[in-house]
Amino acid sequence: MRESADLRALNARLTREIAERERVQKELRVAEQTMQQSSKLAALGEMSAGVSHELNQPLAAMKTYLAGRGCCCSAAALRKRCPAFSASTT
C-alpha cells in the first residue's frame, strides 16, 4: 500500500517536471525566434545606412564642388535641373 502511494507521488512529481520542462522549452523557442528577428533587422539597418551613405556621399561632394566654384546656379535652379540634388538636400 505504501509503495503505491510513493509511486503516485513520484508520478505526480514527474508529470509536473515534464510540464515545466515543456513550458521552458517553449519560452526558449520564442526567445530564439525573437533574437533571430532582431539580428535580421539589425543587419538590414546597417545595410540601409551603408547604401544611404554611398548614395549621399557623391551628391554632397558635387554640391560642395559646385559651391566652391562659385557656380552661378542657385540652389533652386539646381533642384529643378537635377532631381538627385533635390533629394540629397531634403
N, C-alpha and C. Protein backbone atom coordinates (compact mmCIF):
# COMPACT_ATOMS: atom_id res chain seq x y z
N MET A 1 0.82 -1.18 0.00
CA MET A 1 0.00 0.00 0.00
C MET A 1 0.87 1.26 0.00
N ARG A 2 1.87 1.25 0.85
CA ARG A 2 2.77 2.40 0.94
C ARG A 2 3.49 2.60 -0.38
N GLU A 3 3.87 1.50 -1.01
CA GLU A 3 4.57 1.56 -2.29
C GLU A 3 3.74 2.26 -3.35
N SER A 4 2.48 1.96 -3.40
CA SER A 4 1.62 2.56 -4.42
C SER A 4 1.43 4.06 -4.17
N ALA A 5 1.39 4.49 -2.93
CA ALA A 5 1.29 5.93 -2.63
C ALA A 5 2.58 6.64 -3.05
N ASP A 6 3.72 5.98 -2.80
CA ASP A 6 5.01 6.55 -3.22
C ASP A 6 5.07 6.67 -4.74
N LEU A 7 4.61 5.64 -5.43
CA LEU A 7 4.61 5.67 -6.89
C LEU A 7 3.71 6.78 -7.42
N ARG A 8 2.55 6.94 -6.81
CA ARG A 8 1.65 8.03 -7.23
C ARG A 8 2.31 9.39 -7.02
N ALA A 9 2.98 9.56 -5.90
CA ALA A 9 3.66 10.83 -5.61
C ALA A 9 4.78 11.08 -6.61
N LEU A 10 5.55 10.03 -6.89
CA LEU A 10 6.63 10.17 -7.88
C LEU A 10 6.07 10.47 -9.27
N ASN A 11 4.98 9.82 -9.61
CA ASN A 11 4.35 10.05 -10.91
C ASN A 11 3.85 11.50 -11.02
N ALA A 12 3.26 12.01 -9.96
CA ALA A 12 2.77 13.40 -9.96
C ALA A 12 3.94 14.37 -10.09
N ARG A 13 5.02 14.10 -9.37
CA ARG A 13 6.21 14.96 -9.45
C ARG A 13 6.80 14.93 -10.85
N LEU A 14 6.88 13.75 -11.44
CA LEU A 14 7.41 13.60 -12.79
C LEU A 14 6.53 14.35 -13.79
N THR A 15 5.22 14.27 -13.62
CA THR A 15 4.30 14.98 -14.51
C THR A 15 4.52 16.49 -14.42
N ARG A 16 4.71 16.99 -13.20
CA ARG A 16 4.97 18.43 -13.02
C ARG A 16 6.29 18.84 -13.67
N GLU A 17 7.30 18.01 -13.49
CA GLU A 17 8.61 18.31 -14.08
C GLU A 17 8.55 18.32 -15.60
N ILE A 18 7.83 17.38 -16.18
CA ILE A 18 7.67 17.33 -17.63
C ILE A 18 6.95 18.58 -18.13
N ALA A 19 5.89 18.97 -17.45
CA ALA A 19 5.14 20.17 -17.84
C ALA A 19 6.02 21.42 -17.75
N GLU A 20 6.80 21.51 -16.68
CA GLU A 20 7.71 22.65 -16.50
C GLU A 20 8.76 22.67 -17.61
N ARG A 21 9.33 21.53 -17.93
CA ARG A 21 10.34 21.45 -18.97
C ARG A 21 9.77 21.85 -20.33
N GLU A 22 8.55 21.40 -20.63
CA GLU A 22 7.91 21.77 -21.89
C GLU A 22 7.64 23.27 -21.95
N ARG A 23 7.24 23.87 -20.83
CA ARG A 23 6.99 25.32 -20.78
C ARG A 23 8.28 26.10 -21.03
N VAL A 24 9.35 25.66 -20.39
CA VAL A 24 10.64 26.34 -20.55
C VAL A 24 11.15 26.19 -21.98
N GLN A 25 10.97 25.02 -22.58
CA GLN A 25 11.40 24.82 -23.96
C GLN A 25 10.62 25.73 -24.92
N LYS A 26 9.35 25.89 -24.66
CA LYS A 26 8.53 26.79 -25.50
C LYS A 26 9.02 28.23 -25.36
N GLU A 27 9.30 28.66 -24.14
CA GLU A 27 9.82 30.01 -23.93
C GLU A 27 11.17 30.20 -24.64
N LEU A 28 11.99 29.17 -24.61
CA LEU A 28 13.29 29.23 -25.28
C LEU A 28 13.11 29.39 -26.79
N ARG A 29 12.19 28.64 -27.37
CA ARG A 29 11.94 28.76 -28.82
C ARG A 29 11.49 30.16 -29.18
N VAL A 30 10.60 30.73 -28.37
CA VAL A 30 10.12 32.10 -28.63
C VAL A 30 11.28 33.09 -28.52
N ALA A 31 12.12 32.93 -27.51
CA ALA A 31 13.26 33.84 -27.33
C ALA A 31 14.24 33.72 -28.50
N GLU A 32 14.48 32.50 -28.97
CA GLU A 32 15.38 32.30 -30.11
C GLU A 32 14.83 32.96 -31.36
N GLN A 33 13.52 32.82 -31.60
CA GLN A 33 12.90 33.44 -32.77
C GLN A 33 12.98 34.96 -32.69
N THR A 34 12.76 35.51 -31.51
CA THR A 34 12.85 36.95 -31.31
C THR A 34 14.27 37.44 -31.58
N MET A 35 15.23 36.68 -31.10
CA MET A 35 16.63 37.05 -31.29
C MET A 35 17.02 37.00 -32.77
N GLN A 36 16.56 35.98 -33.48
CA GLN A 36 16.84 35.89 -34.91
C GLN A 36 16.24 37.07 -35.66
N GLN A 37 15.01 37.44 -35.33
CA GLN A 37 14.35 38.57 -35.98
C GLN A 37 15.10 39.87 -35.69
N SER A 38 15.53 40.05 -34.46
CA SER A 38 16.29 41.25 -34.09
C SER A 38 17.61 41.32 -34.85
N SER A 39 18.25 40.18 -35.00
CA SER A 39 19.51 40.13 -35.73
C SER A 39 19.31 40.49 -37.20
N LYS A 40 18.23 39.98 -37.80
CA LYS A 40 17.94 40.30 -39.19
C LYS A 40 17.67 41.79 -39.36
N LEU A 41 16.89 42.36 -38.45
CA LEU A 41 16.58 43.79 -38.53
C LEU A 41 17.82 44.65 -38.33
N ALA A 42 18.72 44.23 -37.45
CA ALA A 42 19.96 44.98 -37.24
C ALA A 42 20.82 44.96 -38.50
N ALA A 43 20.91 43.80 -39.15
CA ALA A 43 21.69 43.69 -40.39
C ALA A 43 21.07 44.56 -41.48
N LEU A 44 19.75 44.55 -41.58
CA LEU A 44 19.06 45.36 -42.56
C LEU A 44 19.30 46.85 -42.31
N GLY A 45 19.27 47.25 -41.05
CA GLY A 45 19.54 48.65 -40.70
C GLY A 45 20.95 49.07 -41.07
N GLU A 46 21.92 48.21 -40.81
CA GLU A 46 23.31 48.52 -41.17
C GLU A 46 23.46 48.63 -42.68
N MET A 47 22.82 47.72 -43.40
CA MET A 47 22.91 47.73 -44.85
C MET A 47 22.27 49.00 -45.43
N SER A 48 21.11 49.38 -44.92
CA SER A 48 20.44 50.57 -45.44
C SER A 48 21.24 51.83 -45.11
N ALA A 49 21.87 51.87 -43.96
CA ALA A 49 22.72 53.02 -43.61
C ALA A 49 23.92 53.10 -44.56
N GLY A 50 24.50 51.96 -44.89
CA GLY A 50 25.63 51.93 -45.82
C GLY A 50 25.23 52.39 -47.21
N VAL A 51 24.09 51.91 -47.69
CA VAL A 51 23.62 52.30 -49.02
C VAL A 51 23.32 53.80 -49.04
N SER A 52 22.65 54.27 -48.01
CA SER A 52 22.34 55.71 -47.92
C SER A 52 23.61 56.54 -47.94
N HIS A 53 24.61 56.11 -47.19
CA HIS A 53 25.88 56.84 -47.16
C HIS A 53 26.53 56.84 -48.54
N GLU A 54 26.56 55.69 -49.19
CA GLU A 54 27.20 55.59 -50.50
C GLU A 54 26.49 56.44 -51.55
N LEU A 55 25.18 56.62 -51.41
CA LEU A 55 24.45 57.47 -52.36
C LEU A 55 24.63 58.95 -52.03
N ASN A 56 24.60 59.29 -50.77
CA ASN A 56 24.67 60.70 -50.38
C ASN A 56 26.07 61.28 -50.47
N GLN A 57 27.09 60.46 -50.32
CA GLN A 57 28.46 60.96 -50.33
C GLN A 57 28.81 61.65 -51.66
N PRO A 58 28.59 61.02 -52.82
CA PRO A 58 28.93 61.71 -54.08
C PRO A 58 28.06 62.95 -54.31
N LEU A 59 26.81 62.90 -53.90
CA LEU A 59 25.93 64.06 -54.07
C LEU A 59 26.42 65.24 -53.23
N ALA A 60 26.82 64.96 -52.01
CA ALA A 60 27.36 66.02 -51.16
C ALA A 60 28.67 66.57 -51.74
N ALA A 61 29.50 65.70 -52.29
CA ALA A 61 30.75 66.15 -52.91
C ALA A 61 30.47 67.06 -54.10
N MET A 62 29.48 66.69 -54.93
CA MET A 62 29.13 67.54 -56.08
C MET A 62 28.62 68.89 -55.60
N LYS A 63 27.80 68.87 -54.58
CA LYS A 63 27.24 70.10 -54.04
C LYS A 63 28.37 71.01 -53.54
N THR A 64 29.33 70.43 -52.81
CA THR A 64 30.46 71.19 -52.29
C THR A 64 31.32 71.72 -53.42
N TYR A 65 31.56 70.89 -54.42
CA TYR A 65 32.37 71.29 -55.57
C TYR A 65 31.73 72.48 -56.29
N LEU A 66 30.43 72.37 -56.54
CA LEU A 66 29.74 73.45 -57.23
C LEU A 66 29.72 74.73 -56.40
N ALA A 67 29.55 74.60 -55.10
CA ALA A 67 29.56 75.76 -54.23
C ALA A 67 30.94 76.40 -54.21
N GLY A 68 31.98 75.59 -54.22
CA GLY A 68 33.35 76.08 -54.20
C GLY A 68 33.74 76.79 -55.49
N ARG A 69 33.16 76.39 -56.58
CA ARG A 69 33.45 77.03 -57.87
C ARG A 69 32.70 78.33 -58.03
N GLY A 70 31.83 78.62 -57.10
CA GLY A 70 31.04 79.83 -57.21
C GLY A 70 30.08 79.73 -58.39
N CYS A 71 29.54 78.58 -58.53
CA CYS A 71 28.62 78.32 -59.63
C CYS A 71 27.52 79.36 -59.64
N CYS A 72 27.18 79.84 -60.83
CA CYS A 72 26.18 80.88 -60.95
C CYS A 72 24.76 80.34 -60.76
N CYS A 73 24.64 79.06 -60.62
CA CYS A 73 23.31 78.46 -60.46
C CYS A 73 22.86 78.57 -59.01
N SER A 74 21.65 78.93 -58.83
CA SER A 74 21.10 78.96 -57.48
C SER A 74 20.70 77.53 -57.07
N ALA A 75 20.48 77.35 -55.79
CA ALA A 75 20.05 76.04 -55.32
C ALA A 75 18.71 75.66 -55.94
N ALA A 76 17.82 76.62 -56.11
CA ALA A 76 16.52 76.34 -56.72
C ALA A 76 16.70 75.87 -58.17
N ALA A 77 17.62 76.49 -58.90
CA ALA A 77 17.87 76.07 -60.28
C ALA A 77 18.47 74.67 -60.32
N LEU A 78 19.37 74.37 -59.39
CA LEU A 78 19.96 73.03 -59.35
C LEU A 78 18.89 71.97 -59.05
N ARG A 79 17.99 72.30 -58.12
CA ARG A 79 16.94 71.35 -57.79
C ARG A 79 16.05 71.09 -59.01
N LYS A 80 15.80 72.13 -59.77
CA LYS A 80 14.94 71.99 -60.95
C LYS A 80 15.61 71.13 -62.02
N ARG A 81 16.93 71.32 -62.21
CA ARG A 81 17.65 70.60 -63.25
C ARG A 81 18.05 69.19 -62.85
N CYS A 82 18.28 69.00 -61.57
CA CYS A 82 18.82 67.71 -61.10
C CYS A 82 18.02 67.21 -59.90
N PRO A 83 17.10 66.29 -60.14
CA PRO A 83 16.29 65.75 -59.03
C PRO A 83 17.13 65.10 -57.94
N ALA A 84 18.27 64.52 -58.31
CA ALA A 84 19.13 63.88 -57.30
C ALA A 84 19.64 64.91 -56.32
N PHE A 85 19.95 66.11 -56.80
CA PHE A 85 20.40 67.18 -55.91
C PHE A 85 19.28 67.55 -54.94
N SER A 86 18.10 67.62 -55.47
CA SER A 86 16.94 67.94 -54.64
C SER A 86 16.74 66.91 -53.55
N ALA A 87 16.86 65.62 -53.89
CA ALA A 87 16.67 64.56 -52.91
C ALA A 87 17.75 64.57 -51.84
N SER A 88 18.98 64.96 -52.21
CA SER A 88 20.07 64.94 -51.23
C SER A 88 20.03 66.12 -50.28
N THR A 89 19.26 67.16 -50.62
CA THR A 89 19.24 68.34 -49.76
C THR A 89 17.98 68.41 -48.91
N THR A 90 17.11 67.40 -49.00
CA THR A 90 15.89 67.42 -48.18
C THR A 90 16.03 66.54 -46.98
